[in-house]
PDB file of all heavy atoms in Angstrom:
ATOM      1  N   SER A   1    -150.956  28.502 234.262  1.00  0.00           N
ATOM      2  CA  SER A   1    -150.936  28.897 232.903  1.00  0.00           C
ATOM      3  C   SER A   1    -151.831  30.201 232.674  1.00  0.00           C
ATOM      4  O   SER A   1    -151.613  30.895 231.722  1.00  0.00           O
ATOM      5  CB  SER A   1    -151.375  27.808 232.016  1.00  0.00           C
ATOM      6  OG  SER A   1    -152.646  27.256 232.320  1.00  0.00           O
ATOM      7  N   PHE A   2    -152.876  30.379 233.472  1.00  0.00           N
ATOM      8  CA  PHE A   2    -153.768  31.479 233.229  1.00  0.00           C
ATOM      9  C   PHE A   2    -153.197  32.780 233.769  1.00  0.00           C
ATOM     10  O   PHE A   2    -153.764  33.865 233.575  1.00  0.00           O
ATOM     11  CB  PHE A   2    -155.132  31.214 233.861  1.00  0.00           C
ATOM     12  CG  PHE A   2    -155.751  30.044 233.352  1.00  0.00           C
ATOM     13  CD1 PHE A   2    -155.757  28.849 234.001  1.00  0.00           C
ATOM     14  CD2 PHE A   2    -156.444  30.030 232.091  1.00  0.00           C
ATOM     15  CE1 PHE A   2    -156.418  27.727 233.554  1.00  0.00           C
ATOM     16  CE2 PHE A   2    -157.088  28.945 231.641  1.00  0.00           C
ATOM     17  CZ  PHE A   2    -157.095  27.756 232.365  1.00  0.00           C
ATOM     18  N   ALA A   3    -152.052  32.622 234.467  1.00  0.00           N
ATOM     19  CA  ALA A   3    -151.519  33.797 235.199  1.00  0.00           C
ATOM     20  C   ALA A   3    -150.089  34.197 234.690  1.00  0.00           C
ATOM     21  O   ALA A   3    -149.531  35.213 235.142  1.00  0.00           O
ATOM     22  CB  ALA A   3    -151.576  33.571 236.724  1.00  0.00           C
ATOM     23  N   THR A   4    -149.443  33.362 233.891  1.00  0.00           N
ATOM     24  CA  THR A   4    -148.100  33.714 233.526  1.00  0.00           C
ATOM     25  C   THR A   4    -147.988  34.985 232.682  1.00  0.00           C
ATOM     26  O   THR A   4    -148.997  35.449 232.172  1.00  0.00           O
ATOM     27  CB  THR A   4    -147.510  32.477 232.600  1.00  0.00           C
ATOM     28  OG1 THR A   4    -148.386  32.381 231.513  1.00  0.00           O
ATOM     29  CG2 THR A   4    -147.519  31.216 233.391  1.00  0.00           C
ATOM     30  N   PRO A   5    -146.813  35.509 232.662  1.00  0.00           N
ATOM     31  CA  PRO A   5    -146.588  36.871 231.933  1.00  0.00           C
ATOM     32  C   PRO A   5    -147.049  36.783 230.508  1.00  0.00           C
ATOM     33  O   PRO A   5    -147.352  37.786 229.941  1.00  0.00           O
ATOM     34  CB  PRO A   5    -145.122  37.029 232.047  1.00  0.00           C
ATOM     35  CG  PRO A   5    -144.713  36.341 233.301  1.00  0.00           C
ATOM     36  CD  PRO A   5    -145.530  35.095 233.419  1.00  0.00           C
ATOM     37  N   GLN A   6    -147.075  35.610 229.854  1.00  0.00           N
ATOM     38  CA  GLN A   6    -147.444  35.479 228.526  1.00  0.00           C
ATOM     39  C   GLN A   6    -148.898  35.882 228.342  1.00  0.00           C
ATOM     40  O   GLN A   6    -149.331  36.357 227.191  1.00  0.00           O
ATOM     41  CB  GLN A   6    -147.320  34.028 228.039  1.00  0.00           C
ATOM     42  CG  GLN A   6    -145.848  33.592 227.727  1.00  0.00           C
ATOM     43  CD  GLN A   6    -145.095  33.315 229.011  1.00  0.00           C
ATOM     44  OE1 GLN A   6    -145.712  33.156 229.991  1.00  0.00           O
ATOM     45  NE2 GLN A   6    -143.777  33.143 228.968  1.00  0.00           N
ATOM     46  N   ASN A   7    -149.748  35.753 229.395  1.00  0.00           N
ATOM     47  CA  ASN A   7    -151.118  36.254 229.251  1.00  0.00           C
ATOM     48  C   ASN A   7    -151.154  37.721 229.142  1.00  0.00           C
ATOM     49  O   ASN A   7    -151.667  38.261 228.155  1.00  0.00           O
ATOM     50  CB  ASN A   7    -151.894  35.760 230.535  1.00  0.00           C
ATOM     51  CG  ASN A   7    -152.161  34.327 230.554  1.00  0.00           C
ATOM     52  OD1 ASN A   7    -153.084  33.799 230.024  1.00  0.00           O
ATOM     53  ND2 ASN A   7    -151.263  33.561 231.259  1.00  0.00           N
ATOM     54  N   GLY A   8    -150.690  38.431 230.102  1.00  0.00           N
ATOM     55  CA  GLY A   8    -150.568  39.888 230.021  1.00  0.00           C
ATOM     56  C   GLY A   8    -151.553  40.647 230.946  1.00  0.00           C
ATOM     57  O   GLY A   8    -151.348  41.803 231.120  1.00  0.00           O
ATOM     58  N   TRP A   9    -152.589  40.018 231.437  1.00  0.00           N
ATOM     59  CA  TRP A   9    -153.638  40.798 232.202  1.00  0.00           C
ATOM     60  C   TRP A   9    -153.048  41.366 233.474  1.00  0.00           C
ATOM     61  O   TRP A   9    -153.328  42.525 233.806  1.00  0.00           O
ATOM     62  CB  TRP A   9    -154.854  39.915 232.503  1.00  0.00           C
ATOM     63  CG  TRP A   9    -154.657  38.785 233.428  1.00  0.00           C
ATOM     64  CD1 TRP A   9    -154.350  37.488 233.014  1.00  0.00           C
ATOM     65  CD2 TRP A   9    -154.606  38.774 234.806  1.00  0.00           C
ATOM     66  NE1 TRP A   9    -154.122  36.716 234.209  1.00  0.00           N
ATOM     67  CE2 TRP A   9    -154.306  37.434 235.238  1.00  0.00           C
ATOM     68  CE3 TRP A   9    -154.751  39.797 235.796  1.00  0.00           C
ATOM     69  CZ2 TRP A   9    -154.177  37.156 236.596  1.00  0.00           C
ATOM     70  CZ3 TRP A   9    -154.621  39.494 237.112  1.00  0.00           C
ATOM     71  CH2 TRP A   9    -154.406  38.142 237.529  1.00  0.00           C
ATOM     72  N   PHE A  10    -152.199  40.690 234.162  1.00  0.00           N
ATOM     73  CA  PHE A  10    -151.685  41.128 235.391  1.00  0.00           C
ATOM     74  C   PHE A  10    -150.753  42.295 235.166  1.00  0.00           C
ATOM     75  O   PHE A  10    -150.886  43.259 235.815  1.00  0.00           O
ATOM     76  CB  PHE A  10    -150.886  39.934 236.087  1.00  0.00           C
ATOM     77  CG  PHE A  10    -150.376  40.375 237.426  1.00  0.00           C
ATOM     78  CD1 PHE A  10    -151.157  40.753 238.477  1.00  0.00           C
ATOM     79  CD2 PHE A  10    -148.942  40.338 237.627  1.00  0.00           C
ATOM     80  CE1 PHE A  10    -150.624  41.051 239.719  1.00  0.00           C
ATOM     81  CE2 PHE A  10    -148.413  40.752 238.785  1.00  0.00           C
ATOM     82  CZ  PHE A  10    -149.215  41.055 239.904  1.00  0.00           C
ATOM     83  N   GLU A  11    -149.811  42.152 234.224  1.00  0.00           N
ATOM     84  CA  GLU A  11    -148.887  43.261 233.972  1.00  0.00           C
ATOM     85  C   GLU A  11    -149.744  44.443 233.403  1.00  0.00           C
ATOM     86  O   GLU A  11    -149.346  45.649 233.780  1.00  0.00           O
ATOM     87  CB  GLU A  11    -147.895  42.767 232.946  1.00  0.00           C
ATOM     88  CG  GLU A  11    -146.835  41.826 233.402  1.00  0.00           C
ATOM     89  CD  GLU A  11    -147.441  40.394 233.670  1.00  0.00           C
ATOM     90  OE1 GLU A  11    -148.496  40.090 233.188  1.00  0.00           O
ATOM     91  OE2 GLU A  11    -146.799  39.626 234.474  1.00  0.00           O
ATOM     92  N   ALA A  12    -150.662  44.305 232.547  1.00  0.00           N
ATOM     93  CA  ALA A  12    -151.494  45.406 232.072  1.00  0.00           C
ATOM     94  C   ALA A  12    -152.230  46.066 233.208  1.00  0.00           C
ATOM     95  O   ALA A  12    -152.365  47.291 233.242  1.00  0.00           O
ATOM     96  CB  ALA A  12    -152.468  44.887 231.048  1.00  0.00           C
ATOM     97  N   ALA A  13    -152.808  45.305 234.118  1.00  0.00           N
ATOM     98  CA  ALA A  13    -153.496  45.878 235.267  1.00  0.00           C
ATOM     99  C   ALA A  13    -152.582  46.639 236.152  1.00  0.00           C
ATOM    100  O   ALA A  13    -152.955  47.788 236.585  1.00  0.00           O
ATOM    101  CB  ALA A  13    -154.178  44.754 236.081  1.00  0.00           C
ATOM    102  N   CYS A  14    -151.407  46.153 236.387  1.00  0.00           N
ATOM    103  CA  CYS A  14    -150.498  46.819 237.238  1.00  0.00           C
ATOM    104  C   CYS A  14    -149.964  48.185 236.536  1.00  0.00           C
ATOM    105  O   CYS A  14    -149.745  49.171 237.190  1.00  0.00           O
ATOM    106  CB  CYS A  14    -149.203  46.046 237.573  1.00  0.00           C
ATOM    107  SG  CYS A  14    -149.581  44.645 238.682  1.00  0.00           S
ATOM    108  N   GLY A  15    -149.931  48.239 235.223  1.00  0.00           N
ATOM    109  CA  GLY A  15    -149.619  49.344 234.456  1.00  0.00           C
ATOM    110  C   GLY A  15    -150.784  50.358 234.692  1.00  0.00           C
ATOM    111  O   GLY A  15    -150.489  51.612 234.831  1.00  0.00           O
ATOM    112  N   LEU A  16    -152.065  49.998 234.597  1.00  0.00           N
ATOM    113  CA  LEU A  16    -153.102  50.829 234.808  1.00  0.00           C
ATOM    114  C   LEU A  16    -153.146  51.418 236.227  1.00  0.00           C
ATOM    115  O   LEU A  16    -153.481  52.619 236.398  1.00  0.00           O
ATOM    116  CB  LEU A  16    -154.486  50.100 234.660  1.00  0.00           C
ATOM    117  CG  LEU A  16    -154.850  49.644 233.198  1.00  0.00           C
ATOM    118  CD1 LEU A  16    -156.061  48.758 233.240  1.00  0.00           C
ATOM    119  CD2 LEU A  16    -155.062  50.842 232.294  1.00  0.00           C
ATOM    120  N   LEU A  17    -152.646  50.670 237.196  1.00  0.00           N
ATOM    121  CA  LEU A  17    -152.579  51.081 238.645  1.00  0.00           C
ATOM    122  C   LEU A  17    -151.451  51.868 238.963  1.00  0.00           C
ATOM    123  O   LEU A  17    -151.320  52.388 240.056  1.00  0.00           O
ATOM    124  CB  LEU A  17    -152.880  49.843 239.467  1.00  0.00           C
ATOM    125  CG  LEU A  17    -154.146  49.098 239.353  1.00  0.00           C
ATOM    126  CD1 LEU A  17    -154.087  47.683 239.948  1.00  0.00           C
ATOM    127  CD2 LEU A  17    -155.268  49.897 239.959  1.00  0.00           C
ATOM    128  N   GLY A  18    -150.376  51.687 238.168  1.00  0.00           N
ATOM    129  CA  GLY A  18    -149.085  52.350 238.507  1.00  0.00           C
ATOM    130  C   GLY A  18    -148.366  51.564 239.658  1.00  0.00           C
ATOM    131  O   GLY A  18    -147.630  52.178 240.483  1.00  0.00           O
ATOM    132  N   VAL A  19    -148.521  50.296 239.713  1.00  0.00           N
ATOM    133  CA  VAL A  19    -147.793  49.461 240.653  1.00  0.00           C
ATOM    134  C   VAL A  19    -146.885  48.533 239.989  1.00  0.00           C
ATOM    135  O   VAL A  19    -146.903  48.221 238.760  1.00  0.00           O
ATOM    136  CB  VAL A  19    -148.867  48.623 241.608  1.00  0.00           C
ATOM    137  CG1 VAL A  19    -149.904  49.600 242.128  1.00  0.00           C
ATOM    138  CG2 VAL A  19    -149.506  47.629 240.686  1.00  0.00           C
ATOM    139  N   THR A  20    -146.018  47.987 240.801  1.00  0.00           N
ATOM    140  CA  THR A  20    -144.954  47.022 240.263  1.00  0.00           C
ATOM    141  C   THR A  20    -145.399  45.630 240.286  1.00  0.00           C
ATOM    142  O   THR A  20    -145.749  45.095 241.317  1.00  0.00           O
ATOM    143  CB  THR A  20    -143.709  47.145 241.107  1.00  0.00           C
ATOM    144  OG1 THR A  20    -143.120  48.557 241.059  1.00  0.00           O
ATOM    145  CG2 THR A  20    -142.541  46.247 240.529  1.00  0.00           C
ATOM    146  N   PRO A  21    -145.487  44.904 239.105  1.00  0.00           N
ATOM    147  CA  PRO A  21    -145.883  43.518 239.114  1.00  0.00           C
ATOM    148  C   PRO A  21    -144.705  42.556 239.393  1.00  0.00           C
ATOM    149  O   PRO A  21    -143.626  42.753 238.844  1.00  0.00           O
ATOM    150  CB  PRO A  21    -146.326  43.275 237.698  1.00  0.00           C
ATOM    151  CG  PRO A  21    -145.535  44.248 236.911  1.00  0.00           C
ATOM    152  CD  PRO A  21    -145.211  45.441 237.765  1.00  0.00           C
ATOM    153  N   LEU A  22    -144.943  41.589 240.261  1.00  0.00           N
ATOM    154  CA  LEU A  22    -143.975  40.578 240.571  1.00  0.00           C
ATOM    155  C   LEU A  22    -144.657  39.273 240.251  1.00  0.00           C
ATOM    156  O   LEU A  22    -145.361  38.725 241.111  1.00  0.00           O
ATOM    157  CB  LEU A  22    -143.506  40.605 242.038  1.00  0.00           C
ATOM    158  CG  LEU A  22    -142.288  39.820 242.482  1.00  0.00           C
ATOM    159  CD1 LEU A  22    -141.052  40.195 241.686  1.00  0.00           C
ATOM    160  CD2 LEU A  22    -142.056  40.042 243.968  1.00  0.00           C
ATOM    161  N   ASN A  23    -144.493  38.758 239.030  1.00  0.00           N
ATOM    162  CA  ASN A  23    -145.136  37.596 238.603  1.00  0.00           C
ATOM    163  C   ASN A  23    -144.431  36.295 238.723  1.00  0.00           C
ATOM    164  O   ASN A  23    -143.363  36.120 238.074  1.00  0.00           O
ATOM    165  CB  ASN A  23    -145.646  37.759 237.099  1.00  0.00           C
ATOM    166  CG  ASN A  23    -146.682  36.825 236.655  1.00  0.00           C
ATOM    167  OD1 ASN A  23    -146.763  35.722 237.173  1.00  0.00           O
ATOM    168  ND2 ASN A  23    -147.487  37.164 235.622  1.00  0.00           N
ATOM    169  N   ARG A  24    -144.856  35.450 239.651  1.00  0.00           N
ATOM    170  CA  ARG A  24    -144.200  34.212 239.934  1.00  0.00           C
ATOM    171  C   ARG A  24    -145.014  32.949 239.426  1.00  0.00           C
ATOM    172  O   ARG A  24    -144.775  31.843 239.879  1.00  0.00           O
ATOM    173  CB  ARG A  24    -143.967  34.037 241.455  1.00  0.00           C
ATOM    174  CG  ARG A  24    -142.963  35.068 241.982  1.00  0.00           C
ATOM    175  CD  ARG A  24    -141.489  34.685 241.651  1.00  0.00           C
ATOM    176  NE  ARG A  24    -140.560  35.876 241.743  1.00  0.00           N
ATOM    177  CZ  ARG A  24    -140.104  36.418 242.770  1.00  0.00           C
ATOM    178  NH1 ARG A  24    -140.473  35.910 244.007  1.00  0.00           N
ATOM    179  NH2 ARG A  24    -139.311  37.395 242.726  1.00  0.00           N
TER     180      ARG A  24
END
């Protein structure tokens, strides 16, 4: 639950880095 796309930190971080997020 702390990592799902609803959180947003992973996707936001990947946006900062310019990388593609694959959230499972």
